[in-house]
Amino acid sequence: RSSIDQGMVAAVPELKSEADTLAWKREYHIRKREAEWKKKQDELLTQKQTAWEVQRLEKQNRLAAAREQARRKRMEERVQKKHQQVDREYRDKCREVQIDQRMEAWEKSQNAAILSQNGYG
């Protein structure tokens, strides 16, 4: 017998007539159906609560993953900008070196031309 049956059988009153017996049986079956219905409703509620909790956790995980992805993207963008800055600075330095070398070569050629015009070369 189920725990519902055992609980209800323990409370069997002293029955004096067949009508009392029928009434008691009717009440017994009503209480049994109500207990079974309540148990089923409790199980359904537990299932719904579990589903809600799973949905909440999944949403929380999606949000955490999106935050992590956004953080990683920002970091990658910073690294890329830093690389671009370093590359730009390197190119500027190379350009300055070339300009200095051209200027030095031009000055030497001008000095040589001046010296040759004045008869020193």
Foldseek 3Di string as FASTA:
>chain_A
DDPLVVVLVVPDDDDDDVVSVVVSVVVSVVVVVVVVVVVVVVVVVVVVVVVVVVVVVVVVVVVVVVVVVVVVVVVVVVVVVVVVVVVVVVVVVVVVVVVVVVVVVVVVVVVVVVCVVVPND
